[in-house]
N, C-alpha and C. Protein backbone atom coordinates (compact mmCIF):
# COMPACT_ATOMS: atom_id res chain seq x y z
N MET A 1 -16.07 7.17 20.08
CA MET A 1 -15.79 6.51 18.81
C MET A 1 -16.00 7.47 17.64
N ALA A 2 -16.99 8.30 17.70
CA ALA A 2 -17.26 9.23 16.59
C ALA A 2 -16.11 10.21 16.42
N VAL A 3 -15.51 10.66 17.52
CA VAL A 3 -14.38 11.59 17.42
C VAL A 3 -13.21 10.91 16.72
N HIS A 4 -12.93 9.68 17.08
CA HIS A 4 -11.84 8.92 16.46
C HIS A 4 -12.07 8.77 14.96
N ALA A 5 -13.29 8.47 14.55
CA ALA A 5 -13.61 8.32 13.13
C ALA A 5 -13.40 9.64 12.39
N ARG A 6 -13.79 10.76 12.99
CA ARG A 6 -13.58 12.07 12.34
C ARG A 6 -12.10 12.37 12.19
N LEU A 7 -11.31 12.07 13.21
CA LEU A 7 -9.87 12.29 13.13
C LEU A 7 -9.25 11.43 12.04
N ASP A 8 -9.66 10.16 11.97
CA ASP A 8 -9.14 9.26 10.95
C ASP A 8 -9.50 9.77 9.56
N LYS A 9 -10.71 10.21 9.37
CA LYS A 9 -11.13 10.70 8.05
C LYS A 9 -10.30 11.91 7.64
N ALA A 10 -9.96 12.77 8.60
CA ALA A 10 -9.14 13.92 8.27
C ALA A 10 -7.74 13.49 7.82
N ARG A 11 -7.24 12.36 8.33
CA ARG A 11 -5.92 11.90 7.94
C ARG A 11 -5.88 11.52 6.47
N GLY A 12 -6.87 10.81 6.00
CA GLY A 12 -6.86 10.34 4.63
C GLY A 12 -7.11 11.42 3.61
N ASP A 13 -7.98 12.34 3.94
CA ASP A 13 -8.27 13.49 3.10
C ASP A 13 -8.62 13.13 1.66
N GLY A 14 -9.18 11.93 1.46
CA GLY A 14 -9.62 11.54 0.12
C GLY A 14 -8.53 11.15 -0.85
N ARG A 15 -7.29 11.05 -0.37
CA ARG A 15 -6.18 10.66 -1.26
C ARG A 15 -6.30 9.20 -1.65
N LEU A 16 -5.77 8.87 -2.82
CA LEU A 16 -5.88 7.51 -3.34
C LEU A 16 -4.74 6.64 -2.85
N VAL A 17 -5.09 5.47 -2.36
CA VAL A 17 -4.13 4.43 -2.00
C VAL A 17 -4.43 3.22 -2.88
N VAL A 18 -3.40 2.66 -3.50
CA VAL A 18 -3.55 1.44 -4.29
C VAL A 18 -3.02 0.28 -3.45
N VAL A 19 -3.87 -0.72 -3.26
CA VAL A 19 -3.53 -1.91 -2.47
C VAL A 19 -3.47 -3.10 -3.42
N VAL A 20 -2.35 -3.85 -3.34
CA VAL A 20 -2.17 -5.04 -4.17
C VAL A 20 -1.84 -6.20 -3.26
N ASP A 21 -2.77 -7.14 -3.12
CA ASP A 21 -2.56 -8.33 -2.29
C ASP A 21 -3.43 -9.44 -2.83
N ASP A 22 -2.85 -10.61 -3.04
CA ASP A 22 -3.61 -11.72 -3.62
C ASP A 22 -4.51 -12.41 -2.61
N ASP A 23 -4.35 -12.13 -1.33
CA ASP A 23 -5.20 -12.72 -0.30
C ASP A 23 -6.45 -11.84 -0.14
N PRO A 24 -7.61 -12.37 -0.53
CA PRO A 24 -8.81 -11.54 -0.50
C PRO A 24 -9.15 -11.00 0.89
N SER A 25 -8.92 -11.78 1.95
CA SER A 25 -9.26 -11.29 3.29
C SER A 25 -8.35 -10.14 3.71
N VAL A 26 -7.07 -10.21 3.40
CA VAL A 26 -6.15 -9.11 3.72
C VAL A 26 -6.50 -7.89 2.89
N ARG A 27 -6.74 -8.11 1.61
CA ARG A 27 -7.08 -7.00 0.70
C ARG A 27 -8.35 -6.29 1.17
N GLU A 28 -9.38 -7.04 1.50
CA GLU A 28 -10.65 -6.45 1.93
C GLU A 28 -10.51 -5.71 3.25
N LEU A 29 -9.73 -6.26 4.17
CA LEU A 29 -9.52 -5.59 5.45
C LEU A 29 -8.77 -4.27 5.25
N CYS A 30 -7.74 -4.29 4.40
CA CYS A 30 -7.00 -3.05 4.10
C CYS A 30 -7.92 -2.00 3.50
N VAL A 31 -8.73 -2.41 2.55
CA VAL A 31 -9.66 -1.47 1.92
C VAL A 31 -10.61 -0.89 2.95
N GLU A 32 -11.23 -1.74 3.72
CA GLU A 32 -12.22 -1.29 4.71
C GLU A 32 -11.61 -0.28 5.69
N GLU A 33 -10.45 -0.60 6.22
CA GLU A 33 -9.86 0.27 7.23
C GLU A 33 -9.28 1.56 6.63
N LEU A 34 -8.71 1.49 5.45
CA LEU A 34 -8.19 2.71 4.83
C LEU A 34 -9.32 3.64 4.39
N VAL A 35 -10.41 3.08 3.93
CA VAL A 35 -11.59 3.90 3.60
C VAL A 35 -12.12 4.55 4.87
N GLU A 36 -12.18 3.79 5.94
CA GLU A 36 -12.64 4.34 7.23
C GLU A 36 -11.73 5.48 7.68
N ALA A 37 -10.44 5.41 7.32
CA ALA A 37 -9.50 6.47 7.69
C ALA A 37 -9.54 7.64 6.72
N GLY A 38 -10.43 7.57 5.72
CA GLY A 38 -10.62 8.72 4.84
C GLY A 38 -9.92 8.65 3.50
N TYR A 39 -9.32 7.51 3.18
CA TYR A 39 -8.65 7.37 1.89
C TYR A 39 -9.61 6.80 0.85
N ARG A 40 -9.37 7.12 -0.41
CA ARG A 40 -10.00 6.39 -1.52
C ARG A 40 -9.05 5.23 -1.79
N VAL A 41 -9.59 4.05 -2.09
CA VAL A 41 -8.74 2.87 -2.25
C VAL A 41 -9.15 2.12 -3.52
N ASP A 42 -8.13 1.83 -4.33
CA ASP A 42 -8.29 0.88 -5.44
C ASP A 42 -7.52 -0.36 -5.03
N ALA A 43 -8.16 -1.54 -5.11
CA ALA A 43 -7.54 -2.77 -4.66
C ALA A 43 -7.47 -3.79 -5.79
N PHE A 44 -6.37 -4.53 -5.81
CA PHE A 44 -6.12 -5.48 -6.88
C PHE A 44 -5.51 -6.76 -6.30
N ALA A 45 -5.79 -7.90 -6.93
CA ALA A 45 -5.24 -9.18 -6.52
C ALA A 45 -3.91 -9.46 -7.18
N ARG A 46 -3.60 -8.73 -8.25
CA ARG A 46 -2.35 -8.97 -9.01
C ARG A 46 -1.71 -7.64 -9.39
N GLY A 47 -0.43 -7.71 -9.65
CA GLY A 47 0.32 -6.51 -9.94
C GLY A 47 0.01 -5.85 -11.26
N GLU A 48 -0.20 -6.64 -12.30
CA GLU A 48 -0.39 -6.07 -13.63
C GLU A 48 -1.57 -5.09 -13.72
N PRO A 49 -2.75 -5.48 -13.23
CA PRO A 49 -3.87 -4.52 -13.27
C PRO A 49 -3.64 -3.30 -12.39
N ALA A 50 -2.94 -3.47 -11.29
CA ALA A 50 -2.64 -2.34 -10.42
C ALA A 50 -1.74 -1.35 -11.14
N LEU A 51 -0.76 -1.84 -11.88
CA LEU A 51 0.14 -0.96 -12.62
C LEU A 51 -0.61 -0.23 -13.73
N SER A 52 -1.56 -0.89 -14.36
CA SER A 52 -2.37 -0.21 -15.37
C SER A 52 -3.18 0.92 -14.74
N ALA A 53 -3.73 0.66 -13.57
CA ALA A 53 -4.51 1.70 -12.87
C ALA A 53 -3.60 2.85 -12.44
N LEU A 54 -2.40 2.54 -11.97
CA LEU A 54 -1.47 3.60 -11.59
C LEU A 54 -1.06 4.44 -12.78
N ALA A 55 -0.91 3.81 -13.93
CA ALA A 55 -0.53 4.55 -15.14
C ALA A 55 -1.63 5.56 -15.51
N ALA A 56 -2.88 5.21 -15.20
CA ALA A 56 -4.01 6.07 -15.55
C ALA A 56 -4.23 7.17 -14.52
N ALA A 57 -3.90 6.90 -13.25
CA ALA A 57 -4.14 7.88 -12.18
C ALA A 57 -3.13 7.67 -11.07
N PRO A 58 -2.34 8.69 -10.74
CA PRO A 58 -1.34 8.54 -9.68
C PRO A 58 -1.99 8.34 -8.31
N ALA A 59 -1.26 7.67 -7.44
CA ALA A 59 -1.74 7.41 -6.08
C ALA A 59 -0.86 8.14 -5.08
N ALA A 60 -1.38 8.31 -3.88
CA ALA A 60 -0.61 8.90 -2.78
C ALA A 60 0.35 7.87 -2.20
N VAL A 61 -0.09 6.59 -2.16
CA VAL A 61 0.71 5.50 -1.59
C VAL A 61 0.34 4.22 -2.31
N LEU A 62 1.34 3.36 -2.50
CA LEU A 62 1.14 2.00 -3.01
C LEU A 62 1.42 1.04 -1.86
N VAL A 63 0.46 0.16 -1.57
CA VAL A 63 0.63 -0.90 -0.59
C VAL A 63 0.66 -2.21 -1.36
N VAL A 64 1.77 -2.95 -1.22
CA VAL A 64 1.94 -4.13 -2.05
C VAL A 64 2.42 -5.32 -1.22
N ASP A 65 1.81 -6.46 -1.48
CA ASP A 65 2.22 -7.71 -0.85
C ASP A 65 3.52 -8.19 -1.49
N TRP A 66 4.32 -8.94 -0.76
CA TRP A 66 5.57 -9.47 -1.30
C TRP A 66 5.31 -10.64 -2.25
N LYS A 67 4.64 -11.69 -1.75
CA LYS A 67 4.45 -12.90 -2.55
C LYS A 67 3.07 -12.89 -3.19
N MET A 68 3.08 -12.87 -4.53
CA MET A 68 1.83 -12.92 -5.29
C MET A 68 2.09 -13.69 -6.58
N PRO A 69 1.06 -14.24 -7.18
CA PRO A 69 1.25 -14.85 -8.50
C PRO A 69 1.58 -13.77 -9.53
N GLY A 70 2.34 -14.14 -10.52
CA GLY A 70 2.75 -13.14 -11.52
C GLY A 70 3.87 -12.31 -10.94
N LEU A 71 3.73 -11.00 -10.98
CA LEU A 71 4.75 -10.11 -10.44
C LEU A 71 4.75 -10.15 -8.92
N ASN A 72 5.94 -10.22 -8.31
CA ASN A 72 5.98 -10.13 -6.86
C ASN A 72 5.98 -8.64 -6.46
N GLY A 73 5.92 -8.37 -5.17
CA GLY A 73 5.82 -7.00 -4.70
C GLY A 73 6.97 -6.12 -5.12
N ALA A 74 8.19 -6.65 -5.13
CA ALA A 74 9.35 -5.86 -5.53
C ALA A 74 9.27 -5.51 -7.01
N GLU A 75 8.81 -6.43 -7.83
CA GLU A 75 8.66 -6.15 -9.26
C GLU A 75 7.59 -5.09 -9.50
N VAL A 76 6.49 -5.18 -8.79
CA VAL A 76 5.43 -4.16 -8.90
C VAL A 76 5.99 -2.81 -8.47
N ALA A 77 6.74 -2.79 -7.37
CA ALA A 77 7.32 -1.54 -6.87
C ALA A 77 8.27 -0.92 -7.90
N CYS A 78 9.13 -1.73 -8.50
CA CYS A 78 10.07 -1.21 -9.49
C CYS A 78 9.33 -0.60 -10.69
N ARG A 79 8.32 -1.27 -11.16
CA ARG A 79 7.55 -0.74 -12.31
C ARG A 79 6.77 0.50 -11.92
N ALA A 80 6.23 0.52 -10.70
CA ALA A 80 5.49 1.70 -10.23
C ALA A 80 6.44 2.89 -10.10
N ARG A 81 7.65 2.64 -9.60
CA ARG A 81 8.64 3.71 -9.46
C ARG A 81 9.10 4.22 -10.81
N ALA A 82 9.05 3.39 -11.85
CA ALA A 82 9.40 3.86 -13.19
C ALA A 82 8.35 4.88 -13.66
N LEU A 83 7.10 4.68 -13.23
CA LEU A 83 6.03 5.64 -13.56
C LEU A 83 6.11 6.89 -12.69
N TYR A 84 6.34 6.71 -11.41
CA TYR A 84 6.33 7.79 -10.43
C TYR A 84 7.51 7.61 -9.48
N PRO A 85 8.64 8.21 -9.78
CA PRO A 85 9.85 7.99 -8.97
C PRO A 85 9.71 8.32 -7.48
N ARG A 86 8.82 9.20 -7.12
CA ARG A 86 8.67 9.58 -5.71
C ARG A 86 7.49 8.91 -5.02
N LEU A 87 6.85 7.95 -5.66
CA LEU A 87 5.69 7.26 -5.08
C LEU A 87 6.10 6.52 -3.80
N PRO A 88 5.47 6.83 -2.67
CA PRO A 88 5.76 6.09 -1.44
C PRO A 88 5.19 4.68 -1.53
N ILE A 89 6.00 3.69 -1.14
CA ILE A 89 5.59 2.29 -1.25
C ILE A 89 5.78 1.57 0.07
N LEU A 90 4.71 0.91 0.49
CA LEU A 90 4.67 0.09 1.69
C LEU A 90 4.53 -1.37 1.26
N MET A 91 5.45 -2.22 1.71
CA MET A 91 5.34 -3.65 1.43
C MET A 91 4.84 -4.37 2.67
N VAL A 92 3.89 -5.25 2.49
CA VAL A 92 3.44 -6.13 3.58
C VAL A 92 3.91 -7.53 3.24
N THR A 93 4.43 -8.23 4.25
CA THR A 93 4.99 -9.55 4.01
C THR A 93 4.93 -10.43 5.25
N GLY A 94 4.78 -11.69 5.01
CA GLY A 94 4.86 -12.68 6.08
C GLY A 94 6.27 -13.20 6.26
N ASN A 95 7.20 -12.75 5.41
CA ASN A 95 8.57 -13.24 5.48
C ASN A 95 9.55 -12.11 5.17
N ARG A 96 9.81 -11.28 6.14
CA ARG A 96 10.68 -10.12 5.95
C ARG A 96 12.08 -10.55 5.49
N HIS A 97 12.59 -11.65 6.05
CA HIS A 97 13.95 -12.07 5.69
C HIS A 97 14.05 -12.42 4.21
N GLU A 98 13.06 -13.08 3.69
CA GLU A 98 13.05 -13.44 2.27
C GLU A 98 12.87 -12.20 1.39
N ALA A 99 12.07 -11.26 1.84
CA ALA A 99 11.73 -10.09 1.03
C ALA A 99 12.73 -8.94 1.15
N ALA A 100 13.53 -8.92 2.20
CA ALA A 100 14.33 -7.74 2.54
C ALA A 100 15.26 -7.28 1.42
N ALA A 101 16.02 -8.17 0.84
CA ALA A 101 17.00 -7.77 -0.18
C ALA A 101 16.29 -7.21 -1.42
N ALA A 102 15.25 -7.90 -1.87
CA ALA A 102 14.50 -7.43 -3.04
C ALA A 102 13.80 -6.11 -2.74
N ALA A 103 13.28 -5.98 -1.53
CA ALA A 103 12.61 -4.73 -1.14
C ALA A 103 13.60 -3.57 -1.13
N ALA A 104 14.80 -3.81 -0.65
CA ALA A 104 15.82 -2.75 -0.63
C ALA A 104 16.19 -2.35 -2.06
N ARG A 105 16.37 -3.33 -2.94
CA ARG A 105 16.71 -3.02 -4.34
C ARG A 105 15.59 -2.25 -5.02
N ALA A 106 14.35 -2.54 -4.64
CA ALA A 106 13.19 -1.89 -5.27
C ALA A 106 12.90 -0.52 -4.66
N GLY A 107 13.60 -0.18 -3.59
CA GLY A 107 13.38 1.13 -2.98
C GLY A 107 12.12 1.21 -2.14
N ILE A 108 11.72 0.10 -1.57
CA ILE A 108 10.53 0.09 -0.70
C ILE A 108 10.79 1.03 0.47
N ASP A 109 9.81 1.87 0.77
CA ASP A 109 9.97 2.86 1.84
C ASP A 109 9.75 2.28 3.24
N HIS A 110 8.87 1.29 3.34
CA HIS A 110 8.55 0.73 4.65
C HIS A 110 8.05 -0.69 4.46
N ILE A 111 8.42 -1.58 5.39
CA ILE A 111 7.91 -2.96 5.38
C ILE A 111 7.10 -3.17 6.64
N LEU A 112 5.93 -3.78 6.46
CA LEU A 112 5.04 -4.11 7.57
C LEU A 112 4.90 -5.62 7.58
N ASP A 113 5.21 -6.23 8.72
CA ASP A 113 5.15 -7.69 8.84
C ASP A 113 3.72 -8.17 9.04
N LYS A 114 3.36 -9.24 8.31
CA LYS A 114 2.08 -9.92 8.52
C LYS A 114 2.29 -10.96 9.62
N PRO A 115 1.32 -11.15 10.47
CA PRO A 115 0.10 -10.36 10.59
C PRO A 115 0.41 -9.00 11.21
N PHE A 116 -0.31 -7.98 10.78
CA PHE A 116 -0.07 -6.64 11.28
C PHE A 116 -1.32 -6.11 11.95
N LEU A 117 -1.12 -5.14 12.83
CA LEU A 117 -2.25 -4.44 13.44
C LEU A 117 -2.76 -3.44 12.43
N ILE A 118 -4.05 -3.31 12.29
CA ILE A 118 -4.62 -2.40 11.31
C ILE A 118 -4.21 -0.96 11.63
N GLU A 119 -4.05 -0.65 12.92
CA GLU A 119 -3.60 0.69 13.29
C GLU A 119 -2.21 0.98 12.72
N ASP A 120 -1.37 -0.06 12.66
CA ASP A 120 -0.02 0.11 12.11
C ASP A 120 -0.07 0.34 10.59
N LEU A 121 -0.99 -0.33 9.93
CA LEU A 121 -1.16 -0.10 8.49
C LEU A 121 -1.59 1.34 8.22
N VAL A 122 -2.62 1.80 8.92
CA VAL A 122 -3.13 3.16 8.71
C VAL A 122 -2.05 4.18 9.07
N ALA A 123 -1.33 3.96 10.16
CA ALA A 123 -0.26 4.89 10.55
C ALA A 123 0.85 4.94 9.51
N ALA A 124 1.24 3.79 8.97
CA ALA A 124 2.29 3.75 7.95
C ALA A 124 1.85 4.44 6.67
N VAL A 125 0.62 4.18 6.23
CA VAL A 125 0.10 4.83 5.03
C VAL A 125 0.03 6.33 5.24
N THR A 126 -0.44 6.76 6.39
CA THR A 126 -0.55 8.19 6.68
C THR A 126 0.82 8.85 6.69
N ALA A 127 1.80 8.22 7.31
CA ALA A 127 3.16 8.78 7.34
C ALA A 127 3.76 8.84 5.94
N LEU A 128 3.56 7.79 5.16
CA LEU A 128 4.10 7.79 3.78
C LEU A 128 3.43 8.84 2.92
N ALA A 129 2.11 8.97 3.05
CA ALA A 129 1.39 9.97 2.26
C ALA A 129 1.88 11.38 2.62
N ALA A 130 2.11 11.61 3.91
CA ALA A 130 2.58 12.93 4.36
C ALA A 130 4.00 13.20 3.85
N SER A 131 4.82 12.17 3.75
CA SER A 131 6.21 12.35 3.32
C SER A 131 6.31 12.75 1.85
N ALA A 132 5.28 12.46 1.09
CA ALA A 132 5.29 12.77 -0.35
C ALA A 132 4.74 14.15 -0.66
N GLU A 133 4.18 14.82 0.33
CA GLU A 133 3.56 16.12 0.08
C GLU A 133 4.58 17.19 -0.14
């Protein structure tokens, strides 16, 4: 187990991931596992504060839920892309069919279906972070 943790930490390399999800249990799980994988994580329940944080400090990857109060995930993605056109964005959703068209218009790089395996989240974030280097 210690070897696995060291390998995971090397993947994250301290890069910042911004997580936006209104479900506290999903948000906390994402934070815990991404930190364990070596990422720094800023987490938000709503899109507006996340966008303010992104404006102040760029992130390696944005992880955004589709359905949230206020701005939905596609709206957050569009505004984040206005700040950073090459920002990799991962959308998590319980309804891919409903989110697909808006996600495509917003330029979402990858969609992960809820419920998801935490290994799939970490792998997707790692791949997206590497694609932006």
